[in-house]
Amino acid sequence: MQVTKKLEEWPIKIIDGDRSSRYPKRKEMVSKGVLFLSTPALVDGSIDTLSSNFITQQKFDSISKGRLENFDIIMTTRGTIGKLAFFKSSLEFPTGLINAQMLILRPDPEFVRPKYLFYLLGSDKYQMQMKSFSSGSAQPQIPITDLKKTALSFPSIETQDQVIALIDGYTNLIKNNNRRIAILEDIAQTLYREWFVNFRYPDNANGNQKLIDSPLGQTPEGWEVRPLIELVNFKRNTIKKGNVPDKTPYMGLEHFPRKSIALSEWEKVSEIGSNKLAFNRGDILFGKIRPNFHKVGVAQVDGLCSSDAFVLSPKNAAHHALIAMVTFSNEFVAQAVQTSQGSKMPRASWDVLKEFSVPVPAQYIIEKFNAVVDPAIKQIRVLSLKNRNLKQQRDMLLPKLISGKINLNEAN
């Protein structure tokens, strides 16, 4: 049995972000402090602290509106409409502040479980409804007066808890896979740094091998230092706008995660509105817009991507793991950032990055490196595709559970 009322009739507080003169300015941001959230920080229903801004405790104390509490639901209401995140406080981030493009929904958990409301608002039905409220073209927004009139249906608390437990099961599996992906990426990148940056590789663990001058400074004797362009094909296979084969994978920069090579998010399209670039499974994609976002990864399938990405394919398959780790490295990203062009929307320059120096050792060292890193990249692909399937199953199941079309016992 579900009870339907307008949002304003349920015990759910709606808390707007601060729009006064106290609103934090860009110059007031700090590298570490209290979370100050903007739309890019809301990723997959959670807060991505790598994409977040921060303000000082003193600045936070001066603003009373828009403060986050544990289990708050954050919703974007301007620009990007209806994007959600579920806030869980921690020792590092016990609270935070939303910006003026967001609001907070804070239900009374005796009547409405916060996580259930979060899942409900993320379902296709309510996402479409919220977008239908939006007004404005250049900067669409949801009027709060309209949002308050939204009809929401809730079952009993017991049923809400059962739905949460079931959907959380999928979410926890996805999180566990993401943790495994992060560990594999860390292993691969640490090995790359040890062998190809610090030159502590097999047969030279103690640094006894003779070093000689090179474009990278002192490098081991017998190693080559080659520009990236000699090791990769810079692919520019442009697909003209219009119809493409049905369900073609398309990956925009919004689908790229930050600081992860696991490119598992994409749309399926049958038509594209502007020219795109074709890529193949295994190609390395580097997001050139705002390169400080560190969006670089290994393609999991054949498909199309935004022309705002570089598509790189190693000329020698044996160099794939090395090139993936080079382009994913902090040094390569830093070079892209330092030499990017444009102020509002900086773009990395391939004319500069193609000259990036890559140390290439003897074949036996490459083989030992590949013996560790190639399986890691393959396992990342397996886990990424598992996550994609889990998300699809969860997203298909959720609206049916919420509407009561699927019995909870059947779903279990």
Protein backbone atom coordinates (compact mmCIF):
# COMPACT_ATOMS: atom_id res chain seq x y z
CA MET A 1 0.00 0.00 0.00
CA GLN A 2 1.49 3.31 -1.08
CA VAL A 3 0.48 6.77 0.09
CA THR A 4 0.72 9.60 -2.43
CA LYS A 5 1.04 13.27 -1.46
CA LYS A 6 2.72 16.39 -2.76
CA LEU A 7 6.34 16.79 -1.69
CA GLU A 8 5.39 19.80 0.46
CA GLU A 9 2.87 17.65 2.33
CA TRP A 10 5.49 15.09 3.36
CA PRO A 11 7.84 15.80 6.30
CA ILE A 12 10.70 16.71 3.96
CA LYS A 13 12.67 19.93 4.44
CA ILE A 14 13.83 21.77 1.33
CA ILE A 15 16.97 23.78 1.99
CA ASP A 16 18.29 26.19 -0.61
CA GLY A 17 21.90 27.21 -1.18
CA ASP A 18 23.14 30.64 -0.12
CA ARG A 19 22.81 33.43 -2.70
CA SER A 20 23.83 36.38 -0.54
CA SER A 21 27.01 38.43 -0.66
CA ARG A 22 28.55 35.83 1.66
CA TYR A 23 28.49 33.25 -1.17
CA PRO A 24 32.08 31.92 -1.58
CA LYS A 25 34.09 33.46 -4.41
CA ARG A 26 36.63 31.60 -6.53
CA LYS A 27 39.49 33.46 -4.83
CA GLU A 28 38.27 32.16 -1.46
CA MET A 29 38.73 28.51 -2.43
CA VAL A 30 41.47 26.57 -0.68
CA SER A 31 43.21 23.29 -1.49
CA LYS A 32 41.87 21.55 1.61
CA GLY A 33 39.14 22.46 4.06
CA VAL A 34 35.33 22.24 4.26
CA LEU A 35 33.51 20.80 1.22
CA PHE A 36 31.90 23.41 -1.03
CA LEU A 37 29.94 21.47 -3.62
CA SER A 38 29.28 22.27 -7.25
CA THR A 39 27.67 20.08 -9.91
CA PRO A 40 30.87 18.28 -11.10
CA ALA A 41 31.38 16.95 -7.56
CA LEU A 42 28.20 14.86 -7.80
CA VAL A 43 29.30 11.59 -9.41
CA ASP A 44 27.27 8.35 -9.49
CA GLY A 45 25.09 9.46 -6.60
CA SER A 46 28.02 10.24 -4.31
CA ILE A 47 30.42 13.09 -3.59
CA ASP A 48 33.65 12.91 -5.57
CA THR A 49 36.10 14.82 -3.37
CA LEU A 50 38.63 14.93 -6.23
CA SER A 51 36.13 17.10 -8.13
CA SER A 52 35.12 19.20 -5.13
CA ASN A 53 36.01 22.71 -4.07
CA PHE A 54 36.92 23.62 -0.51
CA ILE A 55 36.56 26.68 1.71
CA THR A 56 38.02 27.56 5.09
CA GLN A 57 36.23 26.77 8.34
CA GLN A 58 36.00 30.51 8.95
CA LYS A 59 34.18 31.07 5.65
CA PHE A 60 31.88 28.12 6.34
CA ASP A 61 31.00 29.51 9.77
CA SER A 62 29.90 32.80 8.16
CA ILE A 63 27.22 31.07 6.02
CA SER A 64 24.17 29.53 7.65
CA LYS A 65 22.22 28.42 4.54
CA GLY A 66 22.92 25.23 2.64
CA ARG A 67 24.81 23.32 5.33
CA LEU A 68 24.93 19.56 4.91
CA GLU A 69 23.98 17.00 7.52
CA ASN A 70 24.38 13.24 7.51
CA PHE A 71 22.05 11.43 5.04
CA ASP A 72 21.06 14.63 3.22
CA ILE A 73 20.04 14.35 -0.43
CA ILE A 74 21.62 16.92 -2.74
CA MET A 75 19.87 17.89 -5.98
CA THR A 76 21.02 20.22 -8.72
CA THR A 77 18.33 22.71 -9.80
CA ARG A 78 20.13 24.96 -12.29
CA GLY A 79 22.07 24.16 -15.45
CA THR A 80 22.21 20.41 -15.00
CA ILE A 81 18.74 19.46 -13.73
CA GLY A 82 17.99 16.75 -11.18
CA LYS A 83 21.49 15.40 -10.59
CA LEU A 84 21.58 13.72 -7.18
CA ALA A 85 24.02 12.71 -4.47
CA PHE A 86 23.56 11.07 -1.08
CA PHE A 87 25.73 12.72 1.56
CA LYS A 88 27.28 10.54 4.26
CA SER A 89 29.33 12.45 6.79
CA SER A 90 32.79 11.18 7.76
CA LEU A 91 35.60 12.17 10.10
CA GLU A 92 37.32 13.95 7.20
CA PHE A 93 34.17 15.58 5.85
CA PRO A 94 31.57 15.80 8.64
CA THR A 95 29.63 18.53 6.83
CA GLY A 96 29.82 20.79 3.80
CA LEU A 97 28.09 23.54 1.87
CA ILE A 98 26.06 23.45 -1.35
CA ASN A 99 26.28 26.16 -3.96
CA ALA A 100 23.44 28.27 -5.36
CA GLN A 101 22.69 25.74 -8.14
CA MET A 102 21.61 23.09 -5.64
CA LEU A 103 19.23 22.35 -2.82
CA ILE A 104 19.10 19.88 0.04
CA LEU A 105 16.21 17.50 0.75
CA ARG A 106 16.12 16.37 4.38
CA PRO A 107 13.23 13.96 5.21
CA ASP A 108 12.06 12.92 8.64
CA PRO A 109 13.34 9.31 8.73
CA GLU A 110 10.39 8.13 10.83
CA PHE A 111 8.17 8.61 7.80
CA VAL A 112 10.50 8.76 4.80
CA ARG A 113 13.82 6.98 4.74
CA PRO A 114 16.43 9.32 3.19
CA LYS A 115 17.97 6.58 1.05
CA TYR A 116 14.54 5.57 -0.29
CA LEU A 117 13.80 9.18 -1.26
CA PHE A 118 17.20 9.34 -2.96
CA TYR A 119 16.44 6.22 -5.00
CA LEU A 120 12.91 7.42 -5.76
CA LEU A 121 14.04 10.78 -7.14
CA GLY A 122 16.73 9.06 -9.21
CA SER A 123 14.20 6.87 -11.03
CA ASP A 124 13.36 7.65 -14.65
CA LYS A 125 9.81 8.76 -13.81
CA TYR A 126 10.87 11.51 -11.44
CA GLN A 127 13.92 12.52 -13.44
CA MET A 128 11.68 13.15 -16.46
CA GLN A 129 9.16 14.98 -14.28
CA MET A 130 11.82 17.30 -12.83
CA LYS A 131 13.21 18.08 -16.26
CA SER A 132 9.69 18.96 -17.44
CA PHE A 133 9.54 21.63 -14.72
CA SER A 134 12.75 23.29 -15.91
CA SER A 135 12.51 26.73 -17.39
CA GLY A 136 15.03 28.82 -19.28
CA SER A 137 17.18 27.82 -22.24
CA ALA A 138 20.69 29.13 -21.59
CA GLN A 139 20.47 28.20 -17.90
CA PRO A 140 17.48 25.89 -17.27
CA GLN A 141 16.30 25.62 -13.69
CA ILE A 142 13.62 23.95 -11.56
CA PRO A 143 11.40 26.43 -9.72
CA ILE A 144 11.14 25.29 -6.10
CA THR A 145 7.41 26.13 -6.11
CA ASP A 146 6.91 23.51 -8.85
CA LEU A 147 9.14 21.00 -7.10
CA LYS A 148 7.02 21.27 -3.95
CA LYS A 149 3.95 20.25 -5.96
CA THR A 150 5.58 17.03 -7.17
CA ALA A 151 3.52 14.00 -6.18
CA LEU A 152 5.57 11.43 -4.27
CA SER A 153 4.39 7.94 -3.31
CA PHE A 154 5.84 6.06 -0.35
CA PRO A 155 5.10 2.57 0.93
CA SER A 156 5.39 1.53 4.56
CA ILE A 157 8.70 2.07 6.39
CA GLU A 158 9.21 -1.69 6.43
CA THR A 159 8.86 -1.86 2.64
CA GLN A 160 11.14 1.16 2.20
CA ASP A 161 13.82 -0.61 4.25
CA GLN A 162 13.48 -3.78 2.16
CA VAL A 163 13.86 -1.85 -1.11
CA ILE A 164 16.89 0.00 0.26
CA ALA A 165 18.56 -3.25 1.34
CA LEU A 166 18.01 -4.83 -2.08
CA ILE A 167 19.25 -1.87 -4.12
CA ASP A 168 22.14 -1.27 -1.71
CA GLY A 169 23.24 -4.83 -2.46
CA TYR A 170 23.90 -3.82 -6.06
CA THR A 171 25.50 -0.54 -5.00
CA ASN A 172 27.85 -2.28 -2.56
CA LEU A 173 28.97 -4.76 -5.23
CA ILE A 174 29.74 -1.84 -7.53
CA LYS A 175 31.70 -0.09 -4.77
CA ASN A 176 33.69 -3.25 -4.02
CA ASN A 177 34.58 -3.60 -7.70
CA ASN A 178 35.63 0.06 -7.79
CA ARG A 179 37.92 -0.54 -4.81
CA ARG A 180 39.49 -3.50 -6.61
CA ILE A 181 39.94 -1.37 -9.74
CA ALA A 182 41.64 1.35 -7.68
CA ILE A 183 44.03 -1.21 -6.14
CA LEU A 184 44.93 -2.61 -9.57
CA GLU A 185 45.51 0.91 -10.94
CA ASP A 186 47.70 1.75 -7.97
CA ILE A 187 49.78 -1.41 -8.43
CA ALA A 188 50.27 -0.69 -12.14
CA GLN A 189 51.13 2.97 -11.63
CA THR A 190 53.48 2.25 -8.70
CA LEU A 191 55.36 -0.32 -10.75
CA TYR A 192 55.63 2.14 -13.64
CA ARG A 193 57.04 4.84 -11.35
CA GLU A 194 59.54 2.45 -9.77
CA TRP A 195 60.82 1.08 -13.06
CA PHE A 196 60.44 3.95 -15.52
CA VAL A 197 60.74 7.07 -13.35
CA ASN A 198 62.99 6.00 -10.44
CA PHE A 199 64.71 3.29 -12.54
CA ARG A 200 64.51 0.72 -9.74
CA TYR A 201 63.76 -2.18 -12.07
CA PRO A 202 64.90 -5.84 -12.08
CA ASP A 203 68.70 -6.11 -12.29
CA ASN A 204 69.00 -2.54 -11.01
CA ALA A 205 67.21 -2.64 -7.66
CA ASN A 206 70.29 -1.20 -5.98
CA GLY A 207 70.94 1.41 -8.66
CA ASN A 208 74.21 -0.16 -9.81
CA GLN A 209 73.62 0.11 -13.54
CA LYS A 210 75.55 2.84 -15.33
CA LEU A 211 73.57 5.99 -16.07
CA ILE A 212 74.10 8.16 -19.12
CA ASP A 213 72.84 11.58 -20.18
CA SER A 214 69.54 11.70 -22.10
CA PRO A 215 66.65 14.12 -22.77
CA LEU A 216 65.23 12.87 -19.46
CA GLY A 217 68.45 13.48 -17.58
CA GLN A 218 70.34 10.45 -16.29
CA THR A 219 68.86 7.20 -17.64
CA PRO A 220 70.19 3.62 -17.59
CA GLU A 221 72.69 2.70 -20.26
CA GLY A 222 71.07 0.68 -23.03
CA TRP A 223 67.65 2.34 -22.65
CA GLU A 224 66.22 4.47 -25.43
CA VAL A 225 64.45 7.77 -24.80
CA ARG A 226 61.89 8.31 -27.54
CA PRO A 227 59.19 10.93 -28.14
CA LEU A 228 55.66 9.64 -27.65
CA ILE A 229 54.79 10.22 -31.31
CA GLU A 230 57.28 7.49 -32.32
CA LEU A 231 55.45 4.96 -30.14
CA VAL A 232 51.78 5.70 -30.91
CA ASN A 233 49.45 6.33 -33.78
CA PHE A 234 47.54 9.57 -33.28
CA LYS A 235 44.15 8.49 -34.66
CA ARG A 236 41.85 11.06 -36.26
CA ASN A 237 39.23 8.82 -37.87
CA THR A 238 36.42 11.39 -38.05
CA ILE A 239 32.83 10.16 -38.29
CA LYS A 240 30.54 12.79 -39.83
CA LYS A 241 27.38 13.84 -38.04
CA GLY A 242 24.22 11.96 -38.93
CA ASN A 243 23.13 8.36 -38.67
CA VAL A 244 25.45 5.68 -37.32
CA PRO A 245 24.83 1.95 -36.73
CA ASP A 246 22.13 1.45 -34.12
CA LYS A 247 23.35 1.26 -30.49
CA THR A 248 26.81 2.54 -31.33
CA PRO A 249 28.72 3.20 -28.08
CA TYR A 250 29.38 6.93 -27.68
CA MET A 251 31.60 8.35 -24.98
CA GLY A 252 31.61 12.06 -24.19
CA LEU A 253 34.04 13.59 -21.72
CA GLU A 254 31.25 13.52 -19.13
CA HIS A 255 31.53 9.72 -19.23
CA PHE A 256 35.24 9.75 -18.37
CA PRO A 257 35.99 9.19 -14.68
CA ARG A 258 38.74 11.22 -13.03
CA LYS A 259 42.01 9.48 -12.26
CA SER A 260 40.86 6.07 -13.43
CA ILE A 261 41.63 4.19 -16.63
CA ALA A 262 38.34 2.28 -16.33
CA LEU A 263 36.21 3.72 -19.13
CA SER A 264 32.99 1.80 -18.59
CA GLU A 265 30.35 4.50 -19.08
CA TRP A 266 28.90 5.31 -22.49
CA GLU A 267 25.64 5.95 -24.28
CA LYS A 268 24.22 3.91 -27.13
CA VAL A 269 23.26 6.11 -30.07
CA SER A 270 21.92 5.77 -33.59
CA GLU A 271 22.56 9.39 -34.56
CA ILE A 272 25.20 11.97 -33.70
CA GLY A 273 24.71 15.72 -33.91
CA SER A 274 28.33 16.65 -34.61
CA ASN A 275 31.49 15.03 -35.89
CA LYS A 276 33.01 12.41 -33.60
CA LEU A 277 36.17 10.31 -33.49
CA ALA A 278 36.18 6.53 -33.88
CA PHE A 279 38.18 4.41 -31.46
CA ASN A 280 38.82 0.72 -30.98
CA ARG A 281 38.92 -1.45 -27.91
CA GLY A 282 42.30 -1.00 -26.22
CA ASP A 283 42.89 2.50 -27.57
CA ILE A 284 44.00 5.07 -25.02
CA LEU A 285 41.69 8.10 -24.76
CA PHE A 286 42.93 11.34 -23.25
CA GLY A 287 40.49 14.17 -22.47
CA LYS A 288 42.16 17.32 -23.77
CA ILE A 289 39.63 19.85 -22.34
CA ARG A 290 40.69 20.93 -18.84
CA PRO A 291 43.45 18.32 -18.65
CA ASN A 292 43.78 18.96 -14.91
CA PHE A 293 40.65 16.79 -14.59
CA HIS A 294 42.96 13.82 -15.35
CA LYS A 295 40.51 12.08 -17.67
CA VAL A 296 42.46 9.33 -19.41
CA GLY A 297 41.72 5.65 -19.82
CA VAL A 298 41.69 2.50 -21.89
CA ALA A 299 38.68 1.92 -24.17
CA GLN A 300 36.70 -1.21 -23.27
CA VAL A 301 34.83 -1.48 -26.59
CA ASP A 302 34.87 -0.11 -30.14
CA GLY A 303 32.92 3.14 -30.44
CA LEU A 304 32.85 6.89 -30.92
CA CYS A 305 34.11 9.63 -28.63
CA SER A 306 34.08 13.39 -28.42
CA SER A 307 36.53 15.22 -30.67
CA ASP A 308 37.74 16.79 -27.42
CA ALA A 309 39.75 13.64 -26.74
CA PHE A 310 43.03 12.35 -28.13
CA VAL A 311 42.82 8.79 -29.45
CA LEU A 312 46.15 6.98 -29.20
CA SER A 313 47.02 3.48 -30.33
CA PRO A 314 50.49 2.00 -29.57
CA LYS A 315 52.37 1.07 -32.74
CA ASN A 316 53.84 -1.95 -30.97
CA ALA A 317 51.33 -4.04 -28.99
CA ALA A 318 54.11 -4.89 -26.50
CA HIS A 319 54.18 -1.20 -25.51
CA HIS A 320 50.46 -0.96 -24.68
CA ALA A 321 50.82 -1.21 -20.90
CA LEU A 322 53.75 1.22 -20.89
CA ILE A 323 51.91 3.83 -22.99
CA ALA A 324 48.78 3.46 -20.86
CA MET A 325 50.80 4.15 -17.70
CA VAL A 326 52.78 7.01 -19.29
CA THR A 327 49.65 8.89 -20.38
CA PHE A 328 47.96 8.15 -17.04
CA SER A 329 50.95 9.41 -15.06
CA ASN A 330 50.93 12.64 -13.06
CA GLU A 331 53.95 13.85 -15.04
CA PHE A 332 52.18 13.53 -18.40
CA VAL A 333 49.01 15.19 -17.09
CA ALA A 334 51.09 18.00 -15.54
CA GLN A 335 52.77 18.60 -18.91
CA ALA A 336 49.33 18.75 -20.54
CA VAL A 337 48.13 21.26 -17.95
CA GLN A 338 51.21 23.49 -18.09
CA THR A 339 51.15 23.71 -21.89
CA SER A 340 47.36 23.91 -22.38
CA GLN A 341 45.92 26.78 -24.37
CA GLY A 342 42.95 28.98 -23.48
CA SER A 343 41.86 30.51 -20.19
CA LYS A 344 38.16 29.70 -19.73
CA MET A 345 38.35 26.29 -21.40
CA PRO A 346 42.03 25.24 -21.54
CA ARG A 347 42.89 22.54 -24.07
CA ALA A 348 45.92 20.30 -24.10
CA SER A 349 48.10 20.56 -27.19
CA TRP A 350 49.04 17.39 -29.07
CA ASP A 351 51.82 19.31 -30.82
CA VAL A 352 53.46 19.59 -27.40
CA LEU A 353 52.51 16.25 -25.88
CA LYS A 354 53.66 14.24 -28.88
CA GLU A 355 57.23 15.19 -27.91
CA PHE A 356 56.86 13.83 -24.36
CA SER A 357 59.93 11.71 -23.63
CA VAL A 358 59.31 8.03 -22.91
CA PRO A 359 62.09 5.75 -21.60
CA VAL A 360 62.07 2.42 -23.47
CA PRO A 361 64.13 -0.41 -21.92
CA ALA A 362 65.35 -3.73 -23.28
CA GLN A 363 62.68 -6.19 -24.40
CA TYR A 364 63.09 -8.49 -21.40
CA ILE A 365 62.22 -5.62 -19.01
CA ILE A 366 59.15 -4.75 -21.08
CA GLU A 367 58.08 -8.40 -20.89
CA LYS A 368 58.46 -8.47 -17.10
CA PHE A 369 56.50 -5.21 -16.83
CA ASN A 370 53.77 -6.55 -19.09
CA ALA A 371 53.55 -9.76 -17.04
CA VAL A 372 52.20 -7.66 -14.15
CA VAL A 373 50.46 -4.69 -15.77
CA ASP A 374 48.74 -6.37 -18.75
CA PRO A 375 46.72 -8.72 -16.49
CA ALA A 376 45.87 -5.76 -14.25
CA ILE A 377 44.48 -3.78 -17.22
CA LYS A 378 42.52 -6.84 -18.38
CA GLN A 379 41.09 -7.38 -14.90
CA ILE A 380 40.12 -3.69 -14.73
CA ARG A 381 38.17 -4.22 -17.95
CA VAL A 382 36.37 -7.28 -16.51
CA LEU A 383 35.44 -5.42 -13.32
CA SER A 384 34.36 -2.32 -15.28
CA LEU A 385 32.01 -4.29 -17.49
CA LYS A 386 30.64 -6.13 -14.45
CA ASN A 387 29.87 -2.75 -12.90
CA ARG A 388 28.15 -1.62 -16.07
CA ASN A 389 25.92 -4.71 -16.00
CA LEU A 390 25.20 -4.28 -12.28
CA LYS A 391 24.17 -0.66 -12.82
CA GLN A 392 21.89 -1.63 -15.68
CA GLN A 393 20.25 -4.37 -13.60
CA ARG A 394 19.86 -2.03 -10.63
CA ASP A 395 18.40 0.74 -12.78
CA MET A 396 15.90 -1.63 -14.42
CA LEU A 397 14.86 -3.15 -11.09
CA LEU A 398 14.51 0.08 -9.11
CA PRO A 399 11.45 1.63 -10.84
CA LYS A 400 9.63 -1.70 -10.78
CA LEU A 401 10.26 -2.06 -7.06
CA ILE A 402 9.19 1.52 -6.38
CA SER A 403 5.99 1.17 -8.42
CA GLY A 404 5.19 -2.20 -6.86
CA LYS A 405 5.25 -4.00 -10.23
CA ILE A 406 7.77 -6.47 -8.83
CA ASN A 407 7.09 -8.21 -5.55
CA LEU A 408 9.99 -7.85 -3.10
CA ASN A 409 10.08 -11.58 -2.43
CA GLU A 410 10.37 -12.24 -6.18
CA ALA A 411 13.15 -9.67 -6.47
CA ASN A 412 15.09 -11.27 -3.61
